[in-house]
Amino acid sequence: SPLPNLPLPVKIHTRVCPPIVFERYGREAASDRDYVDACYERVMTEMQQELDKLVLSTS
């Protein structure tokens, strides 16, 4: 596969975040659209917060 379009040399910063644990899982949880939407919002919010922290710590 082609390499990503990154100017070299480049610094790449990573962070390992704590796991996001959900109260429910399995087919029943997956078929509950409101629960899935809430999980999606939680993941998006937590990931954005971590990305914001990463940007602040590296700038």
PDB file of N, CA and C in Angstrom:
ATOM      1  N   SER A   1       0.836  -1.178   0.000  1.00  0.00           N
ATOM      2  CA  SER A   1       0.000   0.000   0.000  1.00  0.00           C
ATOM      3  C   SER A   1       0.881   1.242   0.000  1.00  0.00           C
ATOM      4  N   PRO A   2       0.401   2.336  -0.523  1.00  0.00           N
ATOM      5  CA  PRO A   2       1.216   3.552  -0.576  1.00  0.00           C
ATOM      6  C   PRO A   2       1.445   4.131   0.814  1.00  0.00           C
ATOM      7  N   LEU A   3       2.572   4.804   0.949  1.00  0.00           N
ATOM      8  CA  LEU A   3       2.893   5.457   2.215  1.00  0.00           C
ATOM      9  C   LEU A   3       2.033   6.708   2.381  1.00  0.00           C
ATOM     10  N   PRO A   4       1.737   7.077   3.627  1.00  0.00           N
ATOM     11  CA  PRO A   4       0.972   8.316   3.834  1.00  0.00           C
ATOM     12  C   PRO A   4       1.786   9.530   3.410  1.00  0.00           C
ATOM     13  N   ASN A   5       1.107  10.583   3.067  1.00  0.00           N
ATOM     14  CA  ASN A   5       1.758  11.803   2.609  1.00  0.00           C
ATOM     15  C   ASN A   5       2.220  12.620   3.810  1.00  0.00           C
ATOM     16  N   LEU A   6       3.382  12.253   4.378  1.00  0.00           N
ATOM     17  CA  LEU A   6       3.952  12.959   5.521  1.00  0.00           C
ATOM     18  C   LEU A   6       5.290  13.555   5.123  1.00  0.00           C
ATOM     19  N   PRO A   7       5.502  14.820   5.425  1.00  0.00           N
ATOM     20  CA  PRO A   7       6.825  15.383   5.163  1.00  0.00           C
ATOM     21  C   PRO A   7       7.827  14.764   6.137  1.00  0.00           C
ATOM     22  N   LEU A   8       8.934  14.305   5.621  1.00  0.00           N
ATOM     23  CA  LEU A   8       9.938  13.661   6.472  1.00  0.00           C
ATOM     24  C   LEU A   8      11.112  14.593   6.649  1.00  0.00           C
ATOM     25  N   PRO A   9      11.781  14.647   7.748  1.00  0.00           N
ATOM     26  CA  PRO A   9      11.440  13.965   8.993  1.00  0.00           C
ATOM     27  C   PRO A   9      10.288  14.676   9.706  1.00  0.00           C
ATOM     28  N   VAL A  10       9.539  13.922  10.454  1.00  0.00           N
ATOM     29  CA  VAL A  10       8.387  14.464  11.169  1.00  0.00           C
ATOM     30  C   VAL A  10       8.312  13.827  12.553  1.00  0.00           C
ATOM     31  N   LYS A  11       7.927  14.619  13.542  1.00  0.00           N
ATOM     32  CA  LYS A  11       7.701  14.078  14.881  1.00  0.00           C
ATOM     33  C   LYS A  11       6.260  13.605  14.965  1.00  0.00           C
ATOM     34  N   ILE A  12       6.091  12.422  15.497  1.00  0.00           N
ATOM     35  CA  ILE A  12       4.751  11.893  15.710  1.00  0.00           C
ATOM     36  C   ILE A  12       4.581  11.687  17.204  1.00  0.00           C
ATOM     37  N   HIS A  13       3.543  12.275  17.756  1.00  0.00           N
ATOM     38  CA  HIS A  13       3.267  12.150  19.184  1.00  0.00           C
ATOM     39  C   HIS A  13       2.074  11.222  19.367  1.00  0.00           C
ATOM     40  N   THR A  14       2.206  10.309  20.308  1.00  0.00           N
ATOM     41  CA  THR A  14       1.107   9.390  20.597  1.00  0.00           C
ATOM     42  C   THR A  14       0.814   9.404  22.083  1.00  0.00           C
ATOM     43  N   ARG A  15      -0.342   8.932  22.422  1.00  0.00           N
ATOM     44  CA  ARG A  15      -0.733   8.837  23.821  1.00  0.00           C
ATOM     45  C   ARG A  15      -1.602   7.593  23.972  1.00  0.00           C
ATOM     46  N   VAL A  16      -1.337   6.833  25.021  1.00  0.00           N
ATOM     47  CA  VAL A  16      -2.178   5.683  25.338  1.00  0.00           C
ATOM     48  C   VAL A  16      -3.169   6.142  26.396  1.00  0.00           C
ATOM     49  N   CYS A  17      -4.427   6.074  26.066  1.00  0.00           N
ATOM     50  CA  CYS A  17      -5.486   6.562  26.949  1.00  0.00           C
ATOM     51  C   CYS A  17      -6.065   5.414  27.766  1.00  0.00           C
ATOM     52  N   PRO A  18      -6.683   5.753  28.878  1.00  0.00           N
ATOM     53  CA  PRO A  18      -7.359   4.701  29.639  1.00  0.00           C
ATOM     54  C   PRO A  18      -8.502   4.108  28.813  1.00  0.00           C
ATOM     55  N   PRO A  19      -8.832   2.864  29.062  1.00  0.00           N
ATOM     56  CA  PRO A  19      -9.918   2.247  28.287  1.00  0.00           C
ATOM     57  C   PRO A  19     -11.262   2.906  28.588  1.00  0.00           C
ATOM     58  N   ILE A  20     -12.111   2.901  27.598  1.00  0.00           N
ATOM     59  CA  ILE A  20     -13.481   3.375  27.770  1.00  0.00           C
ATOM     60  C   ILE A  20     -14.337   2.132  28.004  1.00  0.00           C
ATOM     61  N   VAL A  21     -14.892   2.037  29.189  1.00  0.00           N
ATOM     62  CA  VAL A  21     -15.670   0.853  29.564  1.00  0.00           C
ATOM     63  C   VAL A  21     -17.155   1.196  29.499  1.00  0.00           C
ATOM     64  N   PHE A  22     -17.910   0.346  28.852  1.00  0.00           N
ATOM     65  CA  PHE A  22     -19.346   0.542  28.722  1.00  0.00           C
ATOM     66  C   PHE A  22     -20.083  -0.403  29.657  1.00  0.00           C
ATOM     67  N   GLU A  23     -21.214   0.058  30.174  1.00  0.00           N
ATOM     68  CA  GLU A  23     -22.003  -0.741  31.113  1.00  0.00           C
ATOM     69  C   GLU A  23     -22.649  -1.939  30.436  1.00  0.00           C
ATOM     70  N   ARG A  24     -23.061  -1.771  29.201  1.00  0.00           N
ATOM     71  CA  ARG A  24     -23.754  -2.839  28.478  1.00  0.00           C
ATOM     72  C   ARG A  24     -22.975  -3.197  27.224  1.00  0.00           C
ATOM     73  N   TYR A  25     -23.148  -4.429  26.769  1.00  0.00           N
ATOM     74  CA  TYR A  25     -22.518  -4.878  25.535  1.00  0.00           C
ATOM     75  C   TYR A  25     -23.314  -6.054  24.977  1.00  0.00           C
ATOM     76  N   GLY A  26     -22.950  -6.499  23.808  1.00  0.00           N
ATOM     77  CA  GLY A  26     -23.638  -7.626  23.193  1.00  0.00           C
ATOM     78  C   GLY A  26     -24.740  -7.188  22.241  1.00  0.00           C
ATOM     79  N   ARG A  27     -25.468  -8.167  21.739  1.00  0.00           N
ATOM     80  CA  ARG A  27     -26.509  -7.903  20.731  1.00  0.00           C
ATOM     81  C   ARG A  27     -27.619  -6.998  21.253  1.00  0.00           C
ATOM     82  N   GLU A  28     -28.004  -7.206  22.491  1.00  0.00           N
ATOM     83  CA  GLU A  28     -29.094  -6.389  23.046  1.00  0.00           C
ATOM     84  C   GLU A  28     -28.686  -4.918  23.107  1.00  0.00           C
ATOM     85  N   ALA A  29     -27.482  -4.659  23.581  1.00  0.00           N
ATOM     86  CA  ALA A  29     -26.994  -3.278  23.647  1.00  0.00           C
ATOM     87  C   ALA A  29     -26.823  -2.706  22.245  1.00  0.00           C
ATOM     88  N   ALA A  30     -26.328  -3.523  21.323  1.00  0.00           N
ATOM     89  CA  ALA A  30     -26.102  -3.058  19.954  1.00  0.00           C
ATOM     90  C   ALA A  30     -27.403  -2.734  19.232  1.00  0.00           C
ATOM     91  N   SER A  31     -28.488  -3.347  19.641  1.00  0.00           N
ATOM     92  CA  SER A  31     -29.766  -3.076  18.977  1.00  0.00           C
ATOM     93  C   SER A  31     -30.517  -1.900  19.609  1.00  0.00           C
ATOM     94  N   ASP A  32     -29.983  -1.356  20.698  1.00  0.00           N
ATOM     95  CA  ASP A  32     -30.582  -0.186  21.353  1.00  0.00           C
ATOM     96  C   ASP A  32     -29.949   1.073  20.759  1.00  0.00           C
ATOM     97  N   ARG A  33     -30.637   1.675  19.807  1.00  0.00           N
ATOM     98  CA  ARG A  33     -30.073   2.809  19.054  1.00  0.00           C
ATOM     99  C   ARG A  33     -29.689   3.977  19.959  1.00  0.00           C
ATOM    100  N   ASP A  34     -30.503   4.276  20.955  1.00  0.00           N
ATOM    101  CA  ASP A  34     -30.187   5.382  21.864  1.00  0.00           C
ATOM    102  C   ASP A  34     -28.908   5.095  22.644  1.00  0.00           C
ATOM    103  N   TYR A  35     -28.738   3.850  23.081  1.00  0.00           N
ATOM    104  CA  TYR A  35     -27.526   3.478  23.822  1.00  0.00           C
ATOM    105  C   TYR A  35     -26.296   3.562  22.921  1.00  0.00           C
ATOM    106  N   VAL A  36     -26.422   3.064  21.694  1.00  0.00           N
ATOM    107  CA  VAL A  36     -25.305   3.128  20.745  1.00  0.00           C
ATOM    108  C   VAL A  36     -24.935   4.579  20.466  1.00  0.00           C
ATOM    109  N   ASP A  37     -25.922   5.434  20.280  1.00  0.00           N
ATOM    110  CA  ASP A  37     -25.654   6.855  20.043  1.00  0.00           C
ATOM    111  C   ASP A  37     -24.954   7.491  21.244  1.00  0.00           C
ATOM    112  N   ALA A  38     -25.376   7.137  22.450  1.00  0.00           N
ATOM    113  CA  ALA A  38     -24.742   7.675  23.659  1.00  0.00           C
ATOM    114  C   ALA A  38     -23.297   7.198  23.766  1.00  0.00           C
ATOM    115  N   CYS A  39     -23.049   5.944  23.422  1.00  0.00           N
ATOM    116  CA  CYS A  39     -21.678   5.413  23.441  1.00  0.00           C
ATOM    117  C   CYS A  39     -20.810   6.138  22.422  1.00  0.00           C
ATOM    118  N   TYR A  40     -21.362   6.368  21.239  1.00  0.00           N
ATOM    119  CA  TYR A  40     -20.642   7.089  20.194  1.00  0.00           C
ATOM    120  C   TYR A  40     -20.257   8.486  20.672  1.00  0.00           C
ATOM    121  N   GLU A  41     -21.210   9.195  21.252  1.00  0.00           N
ATOM    122  CA  GLU A  41     -20.935  10.545  21.750  1.00  0.00           C
ATOM    123  C   GLU A  41     -19.871  10.522  22.841  1.00  0.00           C
ATOM    124  N   ARG A  42     -19.927   9.536  23.710  1.00  0.00           N
ATOM    125  CA  ARG A  42     -18.931   9.425  24.783  1.00  0.00           C
ATOM    126  C   ARG A  42     -17.534   9.210  24.209  1.00  0.00           C
ATOM    127  N   VAL A  43     -17.422   8.301  23.243  1.00  0.00           N
ATOM    128  CA  VAL A  43     -16.121   8.034  22.624  1.00  0.00           C
ATOM    129  C   VAL A  43     -15.606   9.282  21.919  1.00  0.00           C
ATOM    130  N   MET A  44     -16.455   9.935  21.152  1.00  0.00           N
ATOM    131  CA  MET A  44     -16.030  11.137  20.429  1.00  0.00           C
ATOM    132  C   MET A  44     -15.582  12.230  21.395  1.00  0.00           C
ATOM    133  N   THR A  45     -16.309  12.431  22.473  1.00  0.00           N
ATOM    134  CA  THR A  45     -15.969  13.459  23.455  1.00  0.00           C
ATOM    135  C   THR A  45     -14.646  13.147  24.140  1.00  0.00           C
ATOM    136  N   GLU A  46     -14.488  11.907  24.600  1.00  0.00           N
ATOM    137  CA  GLU A  46     -13.256  11.546  25.300  1.00  0.00           C
ATOM    138  C   GLU A  46     -12.046  11.600  24.374  1.00  0.00           C
ATOM    139  N   MET A  47     -12.202  11.151  23.135  1.00  0.00           N
ATOM    140  CA  MET A  47     -11.090  11.206  22.184  1.00  0.00           C
ATOM    141  C   MET A  47     -10.717  12.656  21.872  1.00  0.00           C
ATOM    142  N   GLN A  48     -11.718  13.526  21.696  1.00  0.00           N
ATOM    143  CA  GLN A  48     -11.422  14.925  21.408  1.00  0.00           C
ATOM    144  C   GLN A  48     -10.712  15.584  22.584  1.00  0.00           C
ATOM    145  N   GLN A  49     -11.127  15.270  23.801  1.00  0.00           N
ATOM    146  CA  GLN A  49     -10.457  15.818  24.980  1.00  0.00           C
ATOM    147  C   GLN A  49      -8.997  15.374  25.026  1.00  0.00           C
ATOM    148  N   GLU A  50      -8.738  14.116  24.728  1.00  0.00           N
ATOM    149  CA  GLU A  50      -7.362  13.613  24.740  1.00  0.00           C
ATOM    150  C   GLU A  50      -6.534  14.247  23.627  1.00  0.00           C
ATOM    151  N   LEU A  51      -7.124  14.430  22.451  1.00  0.00           N
ATOM    152  CA  LEU A  51      -6.406  15.093  21.365  1.00  0.00           C
ATOM    153  C   LEU A  51      -6.091  16.542  21.721  1.00  0.00           C
ATOM    154  N   ASP A  52      -7.033  17.225  22.356  1.00  0.00           N
ATOM    155  CA  ASP A  52      -6.792  18.601  22.788  1.00  0.00           C
ATOM    156  C   ASP A  52      -5.641  18.664  23.787  1.00  0.00           C
ATOM    157  N   LYS A  53      -5.604  17.728  24.735  1.00  0.00           N
ATOM    158  CA  LYS A  53      -4.502  17.674  25.706  1.00  0.00           C
ATOM    159  C   LYS A  53      -3.177  17.411  25.011  1.00  0.00           C
ATOM    160  N   LEU A  54      -3.189  16.520  24.023  1.00  0.00           N
ATOM    161  CA  LEU A  54      -1.966  16.199  23.291  1.00  0.00           C
ATOM    162  C   LEU A  54      -1.443  17.420  22.546  1.00  0.00           C
ATOM    163  N   VAL A  55      -2.335  18.160  21.922  1.00  0.00           N
ATOM    164  CA  VAL A  55      -1.932  19.372  21.205  1.00  0.00           C
ATOM    165  C   VAL A  55      -1.323  20.382  22.172  1.00  0.00           C
ATOM    166  N   LEU A  56      -1.957  20.582  23.319  1.00  0.00           N
ATOM    167  CA  LEU A  56      -1.438  21.541  24.298  1.00  0.00           C
ATOM    168  C   LEU A  56      -0.082  21.114  24.851  1.00  0.00           C
ATOM    169  N   SER A  57       0.103  19.828  25.046  1.00  0.00           N
ATOM    170  CA  SER A  57       1.359  19.347  25.634  1.00  0.00           C
ATOM    171  C   SER A  57       2.511  19.342  24.639  1.00  0.00           C
ATOM    172  N   THR A  58       2.224  19.416  23.355  1.00  0.00           N
ATOM    173  CA  THR A  58       3.290  19.364  22.352  1.00  0.00           C
ATOM    174  C   THR A  58       3.514  20.695  21.653  1.00  0.00           C
ATOM    175  N   SER A  59       2.742  21.713  22.001  1.00  0.00           N
ATOM    176  CA  SER A  59       2.921  23.003  21.318  1.00  0.00           C
ATOM    177  C   SER A  59       3.736  23.966  22.146  1.00  0.00           C
TER     178      SER A  59
END
